[in-house]
Amino acid sequence: MATRDKSIWILIVFILAGLVVGGLIGELASGVSWLWWLSYEQQFGLPTPLNLDLSVVQLTFGLTFKINVSSIIGMLLAIFIYRKIK
Protein backbone atom coordinates (compact mmCIF):
# COMPACT_ATOMS: atom_id res chain seq x y z
CA MET A 1 0.00 0.00 0.00
CA ALA A 2 2.86 2.38 0.78
CA THR A 3 4.26 1.91 -2.72
CA ARG A 4 0.93 2.90 -4.26
CA ASP A 5 0.76 6.05 -2.11
CA LYS A 6 4.27 7.05 -3.18
CA SER A 7 3.34 6.37 -6.78
CA ILE A 8 0.37 8.74 -6.61
CA TRP A 9 2.51 11.52 -5.12
CA ILE A 10 5.13 11.06 -7.84
CA LEU A 11 2.37 11.31 -10.47
CA ILE A 12 1.09 14.54 -8.88
CA VAL A 13 4.62 16.00 -8.91
CA PHE A 14 5.01 15.02 -12.58
CA ILE A 15 1.69 16.66 -13.50
CA LEU A 16 2.51 19.87 -11.62
CA ALA A 17 5.95 20.03 -13.24
CA GLY A 18 4.33 19.55 -16.66
CA LEU A 19 1.86 22.36 -15.95
CA VAL A 20 4.58 24.76 -14.79
CA VAL A 21 7.01 24.01 -17.63
CA GLY A 22 4.17 24.11 -20.16
CA GLY A 23 3.00 27.45 -18.79
CA LEU A 24 6.51 28.85 -19.08
CA ILE A 25 6.81 27.64 -22.66
CA GLY A 26 3.41 29.18 -23.44
CA GLU A 27 4.53 32.54 -22.06
CA LEU A 28 7.72 32.39 -24.12
CA ALA A 29 5.78 31.36 -27.23
CA SER A 30 3.50 34.38 -27.01
CA GLY A 31 6.21 36.51 -28.60
CA VAL A 32 6.57 34.22 -31.63
CA SER A 33 4.02 34.89 -34.35
CA TRP A 34 3.60 31.29 -35.58
CA LEU A 35 3.36 29.83 -32.05
CA TRP A 36 0.59 32.14 -30.81
CA TRP A 37 -1.78 29.20 -30.29
CA LEU A 38 0.43 27.77 -27.51
CA SER A 39 -0.15 30.89 -25.43
CA TYR A 40 -3.95 30.89 -25.79
CA GLU A 41 -5.13 30.83 -22.19
CA GLN A 42 -8.21 30.75 -20.05
CA GLN A 43 -8.34 32.23 -16.56
CA PHE A 44 -10.93 31.31 -13.96
CA GLY A 45 -11.39 31.67 -10.23
CA LEU A 46 -12.19 34.57 -7.92
CA PRO A 47 -11.54 37.82 -9.82
CA THR A 48 -11.25 39.81 -6.59
CA PRO A 49 -10.18 38.42 -3.22
CA LEU A 50 -12.90 37.63 -0.70
CA ASN A 51 -12.32 39.46 2.61
CA LEU A 52 -13.72 38.19 5.89
CA ASP A 53 -13.34 40.62 8.80
CA LEU A 54 -14.03 39.02 12.18
CA SER A 55 -12.90 42.06 14.16
CA VAL A 56 -10.13 40.06 15.82
CA VAL A 57 -8.76 38.53 12.67
CA GLN A 58 -9.11 39.40 9.03
CA LEU A 59 -8.99 36.62 6.45
CA THR A 60 -8.51 37.04 2.72
CA PHE A 61 -9.36 34.24 0.30
CA GLY A 62 -8.37 34.19 -3.35
CA LEU A 63 -7.73 31.54 -5.96
CA THR A 64 -7.17 31.94 -9.69
CA PHE A 65 -6.16 29.38 -12.29
CA LYS A 66 -4.54 30.43 -15.55
CA ILE A 67 -4.16 27.53 -17.96
CA ASN A 68 -2.86 27.76 -21.51
CA VAL A 69 -2.61 25.23 -24.34
CA SER A 70 1.04 24.43 -23.70
CA SER A 71 0.25 23.75 -20.01
CA ILE A 72 -2.22 21.10 -21.07
CA ILE A 73 0.29 19.63 -23.51
CA GLY A 74 2.94 19.63 -20.76
CA MET A 75 0.57 17.87 -18.37
CA LEU A 76 -0.30 15.19 -20.93
CA LEU A 77 3.39 14.72 -21.78
CA ALA A 78 4.20 14.35 -18.06
CA ILE A 79 1.54 11.65 -17.66
CA PHE A 80 2.87 9.86 -20.76
CA ILE A 81 6.45 9.94 -19.40
CA TYR A 82 5.29 8.77 -15.98
CA ARG A 83 3.50 5.79 -17.49
CA LYS A 84 6.58 4.88 -19.53
CA ILE A 85 8.97 4.91 -16.54
CA LYS A 86 6.59 3.19 -14.13
PDB file of N, CA and C in Angstrom:
ATOM      1  N   MET A   1       0.814  -1.196   0.000  1.00  0.00           N
ATOM      2  CA  MET A   1       0.000   0.000   0.000  1.00  0.00           C
ATOM      3  C   MET A   1       0.860   1.263   0.000  1.00  0.00           C
ATOM      4  N   ALA A   2       1.989   1.213   0.711  1.00  0.00           N
ATOM      5  CA  ALA A   2       2.860   2.384   0.780  1.00  0.00           C
ATOM      6  C   ALA A   2       3.448   2.702  -0.589  1.00  0.00           C
ATOM      7  N   THR A   3       3.720   1.679  -1.379  1.00  0.00           N
ATOM      8  CA  THR A   3       4.259   1.908  -2.723  1.00  0.00           C
ATOM      9  C   THR A   3       3.237   2.611  -3.595  1.00  0.00           C
ATOM     10  N   ARG A   4       1.983   2.257  -3.477  1.00  0.00           N
ATOM     11  CA  ARG A   4       0.933   2.897  -4.263  1.00  0.00           C
ATOM     12  C   ARG A   4       0.774   4.369  -3.864  1.00  0.00           C
ATOM     13  N   ASP A   5       0.865   4.665  -2.568  1.00  0.00           N
ATOM     14  CA  ASP A   5       0.764   6.046  -2.106  1.00  0.00           C
ATOM     15  C   ASP A   5       1.911   6.890  -2.645  1.00  0.00           C
ATOM     16  N   LYS A   6       3.125   6.337  -2.636  1.00  0.00           N
ATOM     17  CA  LYS A   6       4.273   7.052  -3.180  1.00  0.00           C
ATOM     18  C   LYS A   6       4.098   7.265  -4.676  1.00  0.00           C
ATOM     19  N   SER A   7       3.546   6.285  -5.343  1.00  0.00           N
ATOM     20  CA  SER A   7       3.341   6.370  -6.783  1.00  0.00           C
ATOM     21  C   SER A   7       2.369   7.503  -7.138  1.00  0.00           C
ATOM     22  N   ILE A   8       1.341   7.673  -6.358  1.00  0.00           N
ATOM     23  CA  ILE A   8       0.367   8.736  -6.610  1.00  0.00           C
ATOM     24  C   ILE A   8       1.016  10.101  -6.406  1.00  0.00           C
ATOM     25  N   TRP A   9       1.839  10.242  -5.362  1.00  0.00           N
ATOM     26  CA  TRP A   9       2.510  11.520  -5.125  1.00  0.00           C
ATOM     27  C   TRP A   9       3.509  11.844  -6.232  1.00  0.00           C
ATOM     28  N   ILE A  10       4.196  10.832  -6.730  1.00  0.00           N
ATOM     29  CA  ILE A  10       5.126  11.056  -7.844  1.00  0.00           C
ATOM     30  C   ILE A  10       4.360  11.492  -9.084  1.00  0.00           C
ATOM     31  N   LEU A  11       3.205  10.899  -9.344  1.00  0.00           N
ATOM     32  CA  LEU A  11       2.374  11.309 -10.470  1.00  0.00           C
ATOM     33  C   LEU A  11       1.924  12.759 -10.316  1.00  0.00           C
ATOM     34  N   ILE A  12       1.521  13.151  -9.120  1.00  0.00           N
ATOM     35  CA  ILE A  12       1.095  14.536  -8.882  1.00  0.00           C
ATOM     36  C   ILE A  12       2.243  15.502  -9.129  1.00  0.00           C
ATOM     37  N   VAL A  13       3.448  15.141  -8.686  1.00  0.00           N
ATOM     38  CA  VAL A  13       4.619  15.998  -8.914  1.00  0.00           C
ATOM     39  C   VAL A  13       4.901  16.105 -10.409  1.00  0.00           C
ATOM     40  N   PHE A  14       4.803  15.005 -11.132  1.00  0.00           N
ATOM     41  CA  PHE A  14       5.014  15.023 -12.577  1.00  0.00           C
ATOM     42  C   PHE A  14       4.003  15.941 -13.265  1.00  0.00           C
ATOM     43  N   ILE A  15       2.744  15.833 -12.879  1.00  0.00           N
ATOM     44  CA  ILE A  15       1.693  16.657 -13.496  1.00  0.00           C
ATOM     45  C   ILE A  15       1.922  18.139 -13.203  1.00  0.00           C
ATOM     46  N   LEU A  16       2.254  18.473 -11.958  1.00  0.00           N
ATOM     47  CA  LEU A  16       2.512  19.872 -11.619  1.00  0.00           C
ATOM     48  C   LEU A  16       3.723  20.414 -12.366  1.00  0.00           C
ATOM     49  N   ALA A  17       4.767  19.598 -12.491  1.00  0.00           N
ATOM     50  CA  ALA A  17       5.946  20.031 -13.242  1.00  0.00           C
ATOM     51  C   ALA A  17       5.585  20.254 -14.705  1.00  0.00           C
ATOM     52  N   GLY A  18       4.766  19.383 -15.274  1.00  0.00           N
ATOM     53  CA  GLY A  18       4.326  19.550 -16.658  1.00  0.00           C
ATOM     54  C   GLY A  18       3.516  20.823 -16.845  1.00  0.00           C
ATOM     55  N   LEU A  19       2.657  21.132 -15.878  1.00  0.00           N
ATOM     56  CA  LEU A  19       1.861  22.362 -15.954  1.00  0.00           C
ATOM     57  C   LEU A  19       2.744  23.605 -15.872  1.00  0.00           C
ATOM     58  N   VAL A  20       3.714  23.595 -14.967  1.00  0.00           N
ATOM     59  CA  VAL A  20       4.581  24.762 -14.792  1.00  0.00           C
ATOM     60  C   VAL A  20       5.478  24.971 -16.009  1.00  0.00           C
ATOM     61  N   VAL A  21       6.122  23.894 -16.462  1.00  0.00           N
ATOM     62  CA  VAL A  21       7.008  24.011 -17.628  1.00  0.00           C
ATOM     63  C   VAL A  21       6.196  24.371 -18.872  1.00  0.00           C
ATOM     64  N   GLY A  22       5.030  23.774 -19.027  1.00  0.00           N
ATOM     65  CA  GLY A  22       4.168  24.112 -20.158  1.00  0.00           C
ATOM     66  C   GLY A  22       3.711  25.554 -20.118  1.00  0.00           C
ATOM     67  N   GLY A  23       3.392  26.048 -18.932  1.00  0.00           N
ATOM     68  CA  GLY A  23       2.999  27.449 -18.794  1.00  0.00           C
ATOM     69  C   GLY A  23       4.135  28.392 -19.151  1.00  0.00           C
ATOM     70  N   LEU A  24       5.345  28.042 -18.744  1.00  0.00           N
ATOM     71  CA  LEU A  24       6.508  28.850 -19.082  1.00  0.00           C
ATOM     72  C   LEU A  24       6.747  28.864 -20.586  1.00  0.00           C
ATOM     73  N   ILE A  25       6.635  27.717 -21.209  1.00  0.00           N
ATOM     74  CA  ILE A  25       6.806  27.639 -22.662  1.00  0.00           C
ATOM     75  C   ILE A  25       5.717  28.446 -23.368  1.00  0.00           C
ATOM     76  N   GLY A  26       4.503  28.397 -22.857  1.00  0.00           N
ATOM     77  CA  GLY A  26       3.415  29.179 -23.437  1.00  0.00           C
ATOM     78  C   GLY A  26       3.669  30.676 -23.347  1.00  0.00           C
ATOM     79  N   GLU A  27       4.203  31.118 -22.208  1.00  0.00           N
ATOM     80  CA  GLU A  27       4.527  32.541 -22.061  1.00  0.00           C
ATOM     81  C   GLU A  27       5.638  32.944 -23.025  1.00  0.00           C
ATOM     82  N   LEU A  28       6.635  32.085 -23.188  1.00  0.00           N
ATOM     83  CA  LEU A  28       7.722  32.387 -24.123  1.00  0.00           C
ATOM     84  C   LEU A  28       7.240  32.354 -25.571  1.00  0.00           C
ATOM     85  N   ALA A  29       6.280  31.488 -25.870  1.00  0.00           N
ATOM     86  CA  ALA A  29       5.779  31.360 -27.232  1.00  0.00           C
ATOM     87  C   ALA A  29       4.860  32.501 -27.625  1.00  0.00           C
ATOM     88  N   SER A  30       4.406  33.280 -26.675  1.00  0.00           N
ATOM     89  CA  SER A  30       3.495  34.376 -27.007  1.00  0.00           C
ATOM     90  C   SER A  30       4.179  35.448 -27.850  1.00  0.00           C
ATOM     91  N   GLY A  31       5.487  35.529 -27.792  1.00  0.00           N
ATOM     92  CA  GLY A  31       6.206  36.514 -28.596  1.00  0.00           C
ATOM     93  C   GLY A  31       6.516  36.049 -30.001  1.00  0.00           C
ATOM     94  N   VAL A  32       6.282  34.781 -30.305  1.00  0.00           N
ATOM     95  CA  VAL A  32       6.568  34.215 -31.627  1.00  0.00           C
ATOM     96  C   VAL A  32       5.262  34.156 -32.410  1.00  0.00           C
ATOM     97  N   SER A  33       5.273  34.740 -33.595  1.00  0.00           N
ATOM     98  CA  SER A  33       4.019  34.886 -34.346  1.00  0.00           C
ATOM     99  C   SER A  33       3.387  33.548 -34.745  1.00  0.00           C
ATOM    100  N   TRP A  34       4.185  32.554 -35.119  1.00  0.00           N
ATOM    101  CA  TRP A  34       3.598  31.294 -35.578  1.00  0.00           C
ATOM    102  C   TRP A  34       3.350  30.299 -34.452  1.00  0.00           C
ATOM    103  N   LEU A  35       3.661  30.675 -33.195  1.00  0.00           N
ATOM    104  CA  LEU A  35       3.358  29.828 -32.047  1.00  0.00           C
ATOM    105  C   LEU A  35       2.331  30.469 -31.117  1.00  0.00           C
ATOM    106  N   TRP A  36       1.550  31.406 -31.635  1.00  0.00           N
ATOM    107  CA  TRP A  36       0.586  32.137 -30.813  1.00  0.00           C
ATOM    108  C   TRP A  36      -0.414  31.197 -30.150  1.00  0.00           C
ATOM    109  N   TRP A  37      -0.753  30.100 -30.794  1.00  0.00           N
ATOM    110  CA  TRP A  37      -1.783  29.205 -30.285  1.00  0.00           C
ATOM    111  C   TRP A  37      -1.344  28.491 -29.001  1.00  0.00           C
ATOM    112  N   LEU A  38      -0.035  28.366 -28.754  1.00  0.00           N
ATOM    113  CA  LEU A  38       0.432  27.766 -27.506  1.00  0.00           C
ATOM    114  C   LEU A  38       0.159  28.662 -26.305  1.00  0.00           C
ATOM    115  N   SER A  39       0.061  29.960 -26.544  1.00  0.00           N
ATOM    116  CA  SER A  39      -0.149  30.886 -25.433  1.00  0.00           C
ATOM    117  C   SER A  39      -1.618  31.233 -25.227  1.00  0.00           C
ATOM    118  N   TYR A  40      -2.513  30.645 -25.996  1.00  0.00           N
ATOM    119  CA  TYR A  40      -3.945  30.894 -25.787  1.00  0.00           C
ATOM    120  C   TYR A  40      -4.319  30.359 -24.408  1.00  0.00           C
ATOM    121  N   GLU A  41      -4.878  31.227 -23.564  1.00  0.00           N
ATOM    122  CA  GLU A  41      -5.129  30.828 -22.187  1.00  0.00           C
ATOM    123  C   GLU A  41      -6.535  31.176 -21.733  1.00  0.00           C
ATOM    124  N   GLN A  42      -6.933  30.497 -20.692  1.00  0.00           N
ATOM    125  CA  GLN A  42      -8.211  30.749 -20.045  1.00  0.00           C
ATOM    126  C   GLN A  42      -7.933  30.929 -18.563  1.00  0.00           C
ATOM    127  N   GLN A  43      -8.537  31.938 -17.976  1.00  0.00           N
ATOM    128  CA  GLN A  43      -8.342  32.226 -16.562  1.00  0.00           C
ATOM    129  C   GLN A  43      -9.684  32.122 -15.854  1.00  0.00           C
ATOM    130  N   PHE A  44      -9.694  31.418 -14.728  1.00  0.00           N
ATOM    131  CA  PHE A  44     -10.929  31.311 -13.959  1.00  0.00           C
ATOM    132  C   PHE A  44     -10.603  31.259 -12.473  1.00  0.00           C
ATOM    133  N   GLY A  45     -11.556  31.631 -11.682  1.00  0.00           N
ATOM    134  CA  GLY A  45     -11.390  31.674 -10.232  1.00  0.00           C
ATOM    135  C   GLY A  45     -12.108  32.874  -9.660  1.00  0.00           C
ATOM    136  N   LEU A  46     -11.624  33.368  -8.538  1.00  0.00           N
ATOM    137  CA  LEU A  46     -12.188  34.565  -7.923  1.00  0.00           C
ATOM    138  C   LEU A  46     -11.485  35.783  -8.506  1.00  0.00           C
ATOM    139  N   PRO A  47     -12.203  36.661  -9.209  1.00  0.00           N
ATOM    140  CA  PRO A  47     -11.544  37.825  -9.824  1.00  0.00           C
ATOM    141  C   PRO A  47     -11.012  38.814  -8.792  1.00  0.00           C
ATOM    142  N   THR A  48     -11.722  38.962  -7.685  1.00  0.00           N
ATOM    143  CA  THR A  48     -11.248  39.815  -6.593  1.00  0.00           C
ATOM    144  C   THR A  48     -11.230  38.980  -5.318  1.00  0.00           C
ATOM    145  N   PRO A  49     -10.253  39.210  -4.461  1.00  0.00           N
ATOM    146  CA  PRO A  49     -10.180  38.415  -3.223  1.00  0.00           C
ATOM    147  C   PRO A  49     -11.409  38.623  -2.339  1.00  0.00           C
ATOM    148  N   LEU A  50     -11.772  37.600  -1.631  1.00  0.00           N
ATOM    149  CA  LEU A  50     -12.900  37.630  -0.701  1.00  0.00           C
ATOM    150  C   LEU A  50     -12.357  37.940   0.693  1.00  0.00           C
ATOM    151  N   ASN A  51     -12.792  39.035   1.283  1.00  0.00           N
ATOM    152  CA  ASN A  51     -12.318  39.457   2.606  1.00  0.00           C
ATOM    153  C   ASN A  51     -13.346  39.111   3.662  1.00  0.00           C
ATOM    154  N   LEU A  52     -12.875  38.534   4.753  1.00  0.00           N
ATOM    155  CA  LEU A  52     -13.722  38.195   5.890  1.00  0.00           C
ATOM    156  C   LEU A  52     -13.128  38.864   7.126  1.00  0.00           C
ATOM    157  N   ASP A  53     -13.823  39.875   7.638  1.00  0.00           N
ATOM    158  CA  ASP A  53     -13.344  40.624   8.800  1.00  0.00           C
ATOM    159  C   ASP A  53     -14.115  40.164  10.032  1.00  0.00           C
ATOM    160  N   LEU A  54     -13.404  39.517  10.954  1.00  0.00           N
ATOM    161  CA  LEU A  54     -14.026  39.019  12.178  1.00  0.00           C
ATOM    162  C   LEU A  54     -13.685  39.884  13.385  1.00  0.00           C
ATOM    163  N   SER A  55     -13.238  41.079  13.142  1.00  0.00           N
ATOM    164  CA  SER A  55     -12.900  42.065  14.160  1.00  0.00           C
ATOM    165  C   SER A  55     -11.588  41.717  14.879  1.00  0.00           C
ATOM    166  N   VAL A  56     -11.376  40.476  15.188  1.00  0.00           N
ATOM    167  CA  VAL A  56     -10.127  40.059  15.821  1.00  0.00           C
ATOM    168  C   VAL A  56      -9.111  39.646  14.767  1.00  0.00           C
ATOM    169  N   VAL A  57      -9.607  39.023  13.757  1.00  0.00           N
ATOM    170  CA  VAL A  57      -8.757  38.525  12.671  1.00  0.00           C
ATOM    171  C   VAL A  57      -9.409  38.848  11.343  1.00  0.00           C
ATOM    172  N   GLN A  58      -8.587  39.127  10.367  1.00  0.00           N
ATOM    173  CA  GLN A  58      -9.107  39.400   9.025  1.00  0.00           C
ATOM    174  C   GLN A  58      -8.519  38.360   8.080  1.00  0.00           C
ATOM    175  N   LEU A  59      -9.397  37.667   7.377  1.00  0.00           N
ATOM    176  CA  LEU A  59      -8.987  36.622   6.451  1.00  0.00           C
ATOM    177  C   LEU A  59      -9.258  37.062   5.017  1.00  0.00           C
ATOM    178  N   THR A  60      -8.337  36.739   4.129  1.00  0.00           N
ATOM    179  CA  THR A  60      -8.507  37.043   2.719  1.00  0.00           C
ATOM    180  C   THR A  60      -8.362  35.755   1.929  1.00  0.00           C
ATOM    181  N   PHE A  61      -9.365  35.439   1.123  1.00  0.00           N
ATOM    182  CA  PHE A  61      -9.359  34.239   0.296  1.00  0.00           C
ATOM    183  C   PHE A  61      -9.289  34.636  -1.169  1.00  0.00           C
ATOM    184  N   GLY A  62      -8.449  33.944  -1.922  1.00  0.00           N
ATOM    185  CA  GLY A  62      -8.368  34.191  -3.351  1.00  0.00           C
ATOM    186  C   GLY A  62      -7.741  32.998  -4.050  1.00  0.00           C
ATOM    187  N   LEU A  63      -8.262  32.659  -5.198  1.00  0.00           N
ATOM    188  CA  LEU A  63      -7.732  31.539  -5.964  1.00  0.00           C
ATOM    189  C   LEU A  63      -8.042  31.776  -7.438  1.00  0.00           C
ATOM    190  N   THR A  64      -7.003  31.744  -8.258  1.00  0.00           N
ATOM    191  CA  THR A  64      -7.173  31.944  -9.687  1.00  0.00           C
ATOM    192  C   THR A  64      -6.313  30.933 -10.429  1.00  0.00           C
ATOM    193  N   PHE A  65      -6.881  30.302 -11.426  1.00  0.00           N
ATOM    194  CA  PHE A  65      -6.158  29.380 -12.295  1.00  0.00           C
ATOM    195  C   PHE A  65      -6.001  30.028 -13.661  1.00  0.00           C
ATOM    196  N   LYS A  66      -4.802  29.918 -14.211  1.00  0.00           N
ATOM    197  CA  LYS A  66      -4.537  30.428 -15.550  1.00  0.00           C
ATOM    198  C   LYS A  66      -3.880  29.292 -16.328  1.00  0.00           C
ATOM    199  N   ILE A  67      -4.628  28.708 -17.226  1.00  0.00           N
ATOM    200  CA  ILE A  67      -4.158  27.534 -17.963  1.00  0.00           C
ATOM    201  C   ILE A  67      -4.091  27.880 -19.446  1.00  0.00           C
ATOM    202  N   ASN A  68      -2.968  27.546 -20.073  1.00  0.00           N
ATOM    203  CA  ASN A  68      -2.856  27.762 -21.514  1.00  0.00           C
ATOM    204  C   ASN A  68      -2.679  26.420 -22.225  1.00  0.00           C
ATOM    205  N   VAL A  69      -2.671  26.453 -23.534  1.00  0.00           N
ATOM    206  CA  VAL A  69      -2.611  25.226 -24.337  1.00  0.00           C
ATOM    207  C   VAL A  69      -1.332  24.453 -24.050  1.00  0.00           C
ATOM    208  N   SER A  70      -0.212  25.146 -23.936  1.00  0.00           N
ATOM    209  CA  SER A  70       1.042  24.435 -23.696  1.00  0.00           C
ATOM    210  C   SER A  70       1.079  23.826 -22.290  1.00  0.00           C
ATOM    211  N   SER A  71       0.353  24.377 -21.334  1.00  0.00           N
ATOM    212  CA  SER A  71       0.255  23.755 -20.011  1.00  0.00           C
ATOM    213  C   SER A  71      -0.448  22.410 -20.103  1.00  0.00           C
ATOM    214  N   ILE A  72      -1.495  22.364 -20.886  1.00  0.00           N
ATOM    215  CA  ILE A  72      -2.225  21.100 -21.065  1.00  0.00           C
ATOM    216  C   ILE A  72      -1.351  20.083 -21.788  1.00  0.00           C
ATOM    217  N   ILE A  73      -0.623  20.526 -22.808  1.00  0.00           N
ATOM    218  CA  ILE A  73       0.290  19.629 -23.514  1.00  0.00           C
ATOM    219  C   ILE A  73       1.381  19.133 -22.571  1.00  0.00           C
ATOM    220  N   GLY A  74       1.917  20.020 -21.733  1.00  0.00           N
ATOM    221  CA  GLY A  74       2.937  19.627 -20.759  1.00  0.00           C
ATOM    222  C   GLY A  74       2.412  18.622 -19.755  1.00  0.00           C
ATOM    223  N   MET A  75       1.171  18.805 -19.307  1.00  0.00           N
ATOM    224  CA  MET A  75       0.571  17.870 -18.369  1.00  0.00           C
ATOM    225  C   MET A  75       0.390  16.495 -19.008  1.00  0.00           C
ATOM    226  N   LEU A  76      -0.111  16.472 -20.235  1.00  0.00           N
ATOM    227  CA  LEU A  76      -0.296  15.192 -20.927  1.00  0.00           C
ATOM    228  C   LEU A  76       1.036  14.505 -21.202  1.00  0.00           C
ATOM    229  N   LEU A  77       2.055  15.282 -21.553  1.00  0.00           N
ATOM    230  CA  LEU A  77       3.386  14.724 -21.775  1.00  0.00           C
ATOM    231  C   LEU A  77       3.963  14.161 -20.478  1.00  0.00           C
ATOM    232  N   ALA A  78       3.734  14.833 -19.361  1.00  0.00           N
ATOM    233  CA  ALA A  78       4.204  14.348 -18.062  1.00  0.00           C
ATOM    234  C   ALA A  78       3.535  13.027 -17.690  1.00  0.00           C
ATOM    235  N   ILE A  79       2.239  12.918 -17.941  1.00  0.00           N
ATOM    236  CA  ILE A  79       1.540  11.648 -17.663  1.00  0.00           C
ATOM    237  C   ILE A  79       2.072  10.548 -18.556  1.00  0.00           C
ATOM    238  N   PHE A  80       2.321  10.849 -19.825  1.00  0.00           N
ATOM    239  CA  PHE A  80       2.869   9.859 -20.758  1.00  0.00           C
ATOM    240  C   PHE A  80       4.248   9.395 -20.286  1.00  0.00           C
ATOM    241  N   ILE A  81       5.118  10.305 -19.869  1.00  0.00           N
ATOM    242  CA  ILE A  81       6.450   9.945 -19.405  1.00  0.00           C
ATOM    243  C   ILE A  81       6.357   9.127 -18.116  1.00  0.00           C
ATOM    244  N   TYR A  82       5.473   9.511 -17.226  1.00  0.00           N
ATOM    245  CA  TYR A  82       5.286   8.769 -15.980  1.00  0.00           C
ATOM    246  C   TYR A  82       4.872   7.331 -16.261  1.00  0.00           C
ATOM    247  N   ARG A  83       3.964   7.157 -17.189  1.00  0.00           N
ATOM    248  CA  ARG A  83       3.495   5.793 -17.490  1.00  0.00           C
ATOM    249  C   ARG A  83       4.583   4.957 -18.140  1.00  0.00           C
ATOM    250  N   LYS A  84       5.480   5.617 -18.896  1.00  0.00           N
ATOM    251  CA  LYS A  84       6.581   4.879 -19.531  1.00  0.00           C
ATOM    252  C   LYS A  84       7.642   4.448 -18.532  1.00  0.00           C
ATOM    253  N   ILE A  85       7.915   5.268 -17.508  1.00  0.00           N
ATOM    254  CA  ILE A  85       8.966   4.909 -16.545  1.00  0.00           C
ATOM    255  C   ILE A  85       8.453   4.068 -15.390  1.00  0.00           C
ATOM    256  N   LYS A  86       7.158   3.970 -15.229  1.00  0.00           N
ATOM    257  CA  LYS A  86       6.593   3.186 -14.128  1.00  0.00           C
ATOM    258  C   LYS A  86       6.693   1.722 -14.393  1.00  0.00           C
TER     259      LYS A  86
END
